[in-house]
Amino acid sequence: MDIETFRTYCLSLPGTTEGLKWEHLCFMIEEKIFVIIAIDEGNSFSIKCNPDDFDELTARHGIMQAQHMAKRQWVRVENLEIFPDAELMKRVADSRALVLAKLPKKTQAKYS
């Protein structure tokens, strides 16, 4: 998937906004990051993952623990081609859902 298609997909998720933090492009819901991507570093990106999936994901080539993020909850992926497109979209949607689940119930209700 190319960066423009990826960006379009992320912004299609309800309530998603984009912004720059730490010189990286971020996709957020209610100002909480669910994807952070380093465009200048080969499109490597980090997403939140279910801790139960962490070991399986980091065992795959091109995926590792995300630095400076919650241990066993965020992974860094080397580039947008590591996942097939359908899995990439699912992983991004799952990351968004995990971040949304940590927000107040009233906020969650706006997006359900």
N, C-alpha and C. Protein backbone atom coordinates (compact mmCIF):
# COMPACT_ATOMS: atom_id res chain seq x y z
N MET A 1 0.86 -1.18 0.00
CA MET A 1 0.00 0.00 0.00
C MET A 1 0.90 1.23 0.00
N ASP A 2 0.57 2.21 -0.80
CA ASP A 2 1.36 3.43 -0.81
C ASP A 2 0.87 4.38 0.28
N ILE A 3 1.65 5.40 0.57
CA ILE A 3 1.36 6.30 1.68
C ILE A 3 0.06 7.07 1.49
N GLU A 4 -0.26 7.46 0.28
CA GLU A 4 -1.51 8.21 0.06
C GLU A 4 -2.74 7.33 0.29
N THR A 5 -2.68 6.08 -0.16
CA THR A 5 -3.79 5.15 0.08
C THR A 5 -3.91 4.88 1.57
N PHE A 6 -2.78 4.72 2.23
CA PHE A 6 -2.77 4.49 3.68
C PHE A 6 -3.39 5.68 4.41
N ARG A 7 -2.99 6.89 4.03
CA ARG A 7 -3.53 8.10 4.65
C ARG A 7 -5.03 8.20 4.43
N THR A 8 -5.47 7.94 3.20
CA THR A 8 -6.90 7.99 2.89
C THR A 8 -7.68 6.99 3.74
N TYR A 9 -7.13 5.79 3.88
CA TYR A 9 -7.81 4.77 4.69
C TYR A 9 -7.91 5.24 6.15
N CYS A 10 -6.80 5.69 6.72
CA CYS A 10 -6.81 6.12 8.12
C CYS A 10 -7.84 7.23 8.34
N LEU A 11 -7.88 8.20 7.44
CA LEU A 11 -8.82 9.31 7.59
C LEU A 11 -10.26 8.90 7.34
N SER A 12 -10.48 7.74 6.73
CA SER A 12 -11.86 7.27 6.51
C SER A 12 -12.48 6.69 7.78
N LEU A 13 -11.66 6.39 8.77
CA LEU A 13 -12.18 5.84 10.02
C LEU A 13 -12.86 6.96 10.81
N PRO A 14 -14.07 6.73 11.30
CA PRO A 14 -14.84 7.78 11.98
C PRO A 14 -14.07 8.47 13.10
N GLY A 15 -14.09 9.79 13.08
CA GLY A 15 -13.47 10.58 14.14
C GLY A 15 -11.97 10.76 14.01
N THR A 16 -11.37 10.25 12.95
CA THR A 16 -9.92 10.33 12.80
C THR A 16 -9.47 11.72 12.35
N THR A 17 -8.44 12.20 13.00
CA THR A 17 -7.77 13.44 12.60
C THR A 17 -6.30 13.11 12.38
N GLU A 18 -5.61 14.02 11.70
CA GLU A 18 -4.18 13.82 11.50
C GLU A 18 -3.43 15.03 12.01
N GLY A 19 -2.18 14.82 12.34
CA GLY A 19 -1.35 15.91 12.81
C GLY A 19 0.10 15.48 12.86
N LEU A 20 0.96 16.40 13.19
CA LEU A 20 2.38 16.11 13.32
C LEU A 20 2.78 16.17 14.78
N LYS A 21 3.48 15.14 15.23
CA LYS A 21 4.05 15.12 16.58
C LYS A 21 5.43 14.50 16.46
N TRP A 22 6.39 15.13 17.08
CA TRP A 22 7.76 14.62 17.06
C TRP A 22 8.26 14.43 15.62
N GLU A 23 7.82 15.32 14.71
CA GLU A 23 8.19 15.28 13.30
C GLU A 23 7.71 14.01 12.59
N HIS A 24 6.65 13.40 13.09
CA HIS A 24 6.03 12.22 12.49
C HIS A 24 4.55 12.51 12.25
N LEU A 25 4.03 11.91 11.18
CA LEU A 25 2.60 12.02 10.89
C LEU A 25 1.84 11.10 11.82
N CYS A 26 0.81 11.62 12.46
CA CYS A 26 0.02 10.84 13.41
C CYS A 26 -1.45 10.84 12.99
N PHE A 27 -2.08 9.72 13.20
CA PHE A 27 -3.53 9.61 13.03
C PHE A 27 -4.08 9.37 14.43
N MET A 28 -5.12 10.15 14.77
CA MET A 28 -5.61 10.17 16.14
C MET A 28 -7.13 10.11 16.18
N ILE A 29 -7.61 9.66 17.32
CA ILE A 29 -9.03 9.77 17.64
C ILE A 29 -9.10 10.49 18.98
N GLU A 30 -9.85 11.58 19.01
CA GLU A 30 -9.96 12.40 20.23
C GLU A 30 -8.57 12.77 20.75
N GLU A 31 -7.67 13.13 19.83
CA GLU A 31 -6.30 13.56 20.14
C GLU A 31 -5.41 12.45 20.71
N LYS A 32 -5.87 11.21 20.67
CA LYS A 32 -5.06 10.07 21.12
C LYS A 32 -4.55 9.33 19.89
N ILE A 33 -3.25 9.13 19.81
CA ILE A 33 -2.61 8.52 18.64
C ILE A 33 -2.95 7.03 18.55
N PHE A 34 -3.32 6.60 17.33
CA PHE A 34 -3.45 5.17 17.09
C PHE A 34 -2.51 4.69 15.98
N VAL A 35 -1.95 5.62 15.20
CA VAL A 35 -0.89 5.31 14.22
C VAL A 35 0.07 6.50 14.21
N ILE A 36 1.35 6.18 14.27
CA ILE A 36 2.38 7.21 14.09
C ILE A 36 3.33 6.69 13.03
N ILE A 37 3.55 7.51 12.00
CA ILE A 37 4.32 7.06 10.85
C ILE A 37 5.46 8.02 10.55
N ALA A 38 6.63 7.44 10.30
CA ALA A 38 7.84 8.22 9.98
C ALA A 38 8.01 8.24 8.46
N ILE A 39 7.43 9.23 7.83
CA ILE A 39 7.46 9.33 6.37
C ILE A 39 8.90 9.45 5.86
N ASP A 40 9.73 10.17 6.59
CA ASP A 40 11.12 10.37 6.17
C ASP A 40 12.01 9.16 6.45
N GLU A 41 11.47 8.14 7.08
CA GLU A 41 12.25 6.95 7.43
C GLU A 41 11.66 5.72 6.76
N GLY A 42 11.35 5.81 5.48
CA GLY A 42 10.85 4.66 4.74
C GLY A 42 9.45 4.23 5.10
N ASN A 43 8.67 5.15 5.66
CA ASN A 43 7.29 4.88 6.05
C ASN A 43 7.17 3.83 7.14
N SER A 44 8.16 3.76 8.04
CA SER A 44 8.00 2.88 9.19
C SER A 44 6.90 3.49 10.06
N PHE A 45 6.14 2.63 10.71
CA PHE A 45 5.03 3.14 11.51
C PHE A 45 4.83 2.28 12.74
N SER A 46 4.16 2.86 13.73
CA SER A 46 3.84 2.14 14.96
C SER A 46 2.33 2.15 15.16
N ILE A 47 1.83 1.01 15.64
CA ILE A 47 0.41 0.86 15.95
C ILE A 47 0.27 0.16 17.29
N LYS A 48 -0.85 0.40 17.92
CA LYS A 48 -1.16 -0.30 19.17
C LYS A 48 -1.65 -1.70 18.81
N CYS A 49 -1.29 -2.67 19.64
CA CYS A 49 -1.74 -4.03 19.40
C CYS A 49 -2.24 -4.64 20.70
N ASN A 50 -3.01 -5.67 20.56
CA ASN A 50 -3.46 -6.44 21.71
C ASN A 50 -2.23 -7.12 22.30
N PRO A 51 -1.99 -7.01 23.62
CA PRO A 51 -0.82 -7.67 24.21
C PRO A 51 -0.75 -9.17 23.92
N ASP A 52 -1.90 -9.80 23.71
CA ASP A 52 -1.92 -11.23 23.39
C ASP A 52 -1.33 -11.51 22.00
N ASP A 53 -1.34 -10.51 21.13
CA ASP A 53 -0.81 -10.67 19.77
C ASP A 53 0.65 -10.22 19.65
N PHE A 54 1.17 -9.61 20.70
CA PHE A 54 2.50 -9.00 20.63
C PHE A 54 3.59 -9.99 20.22
N ASP A 55 3.67 -11.13 20.87
CA ASP A 55 4.73 -12.11 20.57
C ASP A 55 4.64 -12.62 19.13
N GLU A 56 3.41 -12.90 18.69
CA GLU A 56 3.22 -13.38 17.31
C GLU A 56 3.65 -12.31 16.31
N LEU A 57 3.30 -11.06 16.57
CA LEU A 57 3.67 -9.98 15.65
C LEU A 57 5.17 -9.75 15.63
N THR A 58 5.80 -9.67 16.79
CA THR A 58 7.23 -9.37 16.83
C THR A 58 8.09 -10.54 16.36
N ALA A 59 7.52 -11.71 16.23
CA ALA A 59 8.25 -12.85 15.66
C ALA A 59 8.34 -12.75 14.14
N ARG A 60 7.52 -11.89 13.56
CA ARG A 60 7.51 -11.71 12.10
C ARG A 60 8.61 -10.76 11.66
N HIS A 61 9.15 -11.02 10.49
CA HIS A 61 10.19 -10.17 9.91
C HIS A 61 9.66 -8.74 9.73
N GLY A 62 10.44 -7.76 10.17
CA GLY A 62 10.09 -6.35 9.95
C GLY A 62 9.20 -5.75 11.02
N ILE A 63 8.92 -6.49 12.09
CA ILE A 63 8.05 -5.98 13.16
C ILE A 63 8.80 -6.15 14.49
N MET A 64 8.81 -5.08 15.30
CA MET A 64 9.49 -5.13 16.59
C MET A 64 8.76 -4.26 17.62
N GLN A 65 9.20 -4.35 18.86
CA GLN A 65 8.66 -3.49 19.92
C GLN A 65 8.88 -2.03 19.52
N ALA A 66 7.86 -1.21 19.65
CA ALA A 66 7.99 0.22 19.35
C ALA A 66 8.71 0.91 20.50
N GLN A 67 9.76 1.65 20.16
CA GLN A 67 10.50 2.39 21.18
C GLN A 67 9.65 3.52 21.72
N HIS A 68 9.84 3.82 22.98
CA HIS A 68 9.19 4.95 23.65
C HIS A 68 7.67 4.82 23.73
N MET A 69 7.15 3.62 23.52
CA MET A 69 5.71 3.39 23.61
C MET A 69 5.48 2.30 24.68
N ALA A 70 4.25 2.13 25.10
CA ALA A 70 3.93 1.15 26.14
C ALA A 70 4.43 -0.24 25.75
N LYS A 71 5.21 -0.84 26.61
CA LYS A 71 5.81 -2.14 26.35
C LYS A 71 4.74 -3.20 26.11
N ARG A 72 4.94 -4.01 25.08
CA ARG A 72 4.06 -5.12 24.69
C ARG A 72 2.67 -4.66 24.23
N GLN A 73 2.52 -3.35 24.01
CA GLN A 73 1.24 -2.84 23.53
C GLN A 73 1.36 -2.11 22.20
N TRP A 74 2.58 -1.78 21.80
CA TRP A 74 2.81 -1.07 20.54
C TRP A 74 3.92 -1.77 19.78
N VAL A 75 3.73 -1.91 18.48
CA VAL A 75 4.76 -2.49 17.62
C VAL A 75 5.15 -1.48 16.55
N ARG A 76 6.42 -1.58 16.12
CA ARG A 76 6.90 -0.77 15.00
C ARG A 76 7.07 -1.69 13.81
N VAL A 77 6.54 -1.24 12.70
CA VAL A 77 6.57 -2.01 11.46
C VAL A 77 7.47 -1.25 10.48
N GLU A 78 8.41 -1.97 9.86
CA GLU A 78 9.44 -1.33 9.02
C GLU A 78 8.88 -0.51 7.86
N ASN A 79 7.80 -0.97 7.24
CA ASN A 79 7.21 -0.22 6.12
C ASN A 79 5.80 -0.72 5.83
N LEU A 80 5.12 -0.05 4.94
CA LEU A 80 3.72 -0.36 4.63
C LEU A 80 3.54 -1.67 3.87
N GLU A 81 4.63 -2.25 3.39
CA GLU A 81 4.53 -3.50 2.62
C GLU A 81 4.68 -4.74 3.48
N ILE A 82 4.98 -4.61 4.75
CA ILE A 82 5.15 -5.78 5.63
C ILE A 82 3.86 -6.58 5.72
N PHE A 83 2.74 -5.89 5.88
CA PHE A 83 1.43 -6.56 5.95
C PHE A 83 0.77 -6.52 4.57
N PRO A 84 0.03 -7.58 4.20
CA PRO A 84 -0.84 -7.47 3.02
C PRO A 84 -1.86 -6.35 3.30
N ASP A 85 -2.38 -5.72 2.27
CA ASP A 85 -3.27 -4.57 2.44
C ASP A 85 -4.44 -4.85 3.38
N ALA A 86 -5.10 -5.99 3.23
CA ALA A 86 -6.27 -6.29 4.07
C ALA A 86 -5.86 -6.41 5.54
N GLU A 87 -4.72 -7.05 5.81
CA GLU A 87 -4.27 -7.17 7.19
C GLU A 87 -3.83 -5.81 7.74
N LEU A 88 -3.19 -5.01 6.91
CA LEU A 88 -2.78 -3.67 7.34
C LEU A 88 -4.00 -2.85 7.76
N MET A 89 -5.05 -2.88 6.97
CA MET A 89 -6.26 -2.13 7.31
C MET A 89 -6.89 -2.66 8.59
N LYS A 90 -6.90 -3.97 8.77
CA LYS A 90 -7.46 -4.56 9.99
C LYS A 90 -6.62 -4.16 11.21
N ARG A 91 -5.30 -4.21 11.08
CA ARG A 91 -4.43 -3.85 12.21
C ARG A 91 -4.60 -2.38 12.59
N VAL A 92 -4.75 -1.51 11.61
CA VAL A 92 -4.98 -0.09 11.89
C VAL A 92 -6.32 0.10 12.58
N ALA A 93 -7.36 -0.55 12.08
CA ALA A 93 -8.69 -0.46 12.70
C ALA A 93 -8.66 -1.01 14.13
N ASP A 94 -7.93 -2.09 14.34
CA ASP A 94 -7.80 -2.66 15.68
C ASP A 94 -7.07 -1.70 16.61
N SER A 95 -6.02 -1.05 16.11
CA SER A 95 -5.28 -0.08 16.91
C SER A 95 -6.20 1.05 17.34
N ARG A 96 -6.99 1.55 16.40
CA ARG A 96 -7.95 2.61 16.70
C ARG A 96 -8.94 2.16 17.77
N ALA A 97 -9.46 0.93 17.63
CA ALA A 97 -10.43 0.40 18.58
C ALA A 97 -9.81 0.26 19.98
N LEU A 98 -8.56 -0.16 20.06
CA LEU A 98 -7.89 -0.30 21.36
C LEU A 98 -7.71 1.06 22.02
N VAL A 99 -7.36 2.07 21.24
CA VAL A 99 -7.20 3.42 21.79
C VAL A 99 -8.57 3.97 22.21
N LEU A 100 -9.56 3.79 21.36
CA LEU A 100 -10.91 4.27 21.68
C LEU A 100 -11.45 3.61 22.95
N ALA A 101 -11.16 2.35 23.16
CA ALA A 101 -11.65 1.63 24.34
C ALA A 101 -11.11 2.20 25.65
N LYS A 102 -10.03 2.94 25.60
CA LYS A 102 -9.45 3.55 26.80
C LYS A 102 -10.05 4.93 27.10
N LEU A 103 -10.85 5.45 26.19
CA LEU A 103 -11.47 6.76 26.39
C LEU A 103 -12.76 6.61 27.21
N PRO A 104 -13.26 7.70 27.77
CA PRO A 104 -14.50 7.63 28.55
C PRO A 104 -15.67 7.05 27.74
N LYS A 105 -16.56 6.37 28.42
CA LYS A 105 -17.71 5.72 27.78
C LYS A 105 -18.52 6.70 26.95
N LYS A 106 -18.68 7.89 27.42
CA LYS A 106 -19.45 8.91 26.70
C LYS A 106 -18.77 9.22 25.35
N THR A 107 -17.47 9.31 25.37
CA THR A 107 -16.71 9.56 24.14
C THR A 107 -16.82 8.36 23.21
N GLN A 108 -16.69 7.15 23.76
CA GLN A 108 -16.81 5.93 22.94
C GLN A 108 -18.16 5.87 22.25
N ALA A 109 -19.21 6.28 22.94
CA ALA A 109 -20.57 6.22 22.40
C ALA A 109 -20.72 7.07 21.15
N LYS A 110 -19.93 8.13 21.02
CA LYS A 110 -20.01 8.99 19.83
C LYS A 110 -19.61 8.22 18.56
N TYR A 111 -18.83 7.17 18.71
CA TYR A 111 -18.29 6.46 17.55
C TYR A 111 -18.84 5.05 17.37
N SER A 112 -19.83 4.68 18.14
CA SER A 112 -20.39 3.33 17.99
C SER A 112 -21.71 3.32 17.26
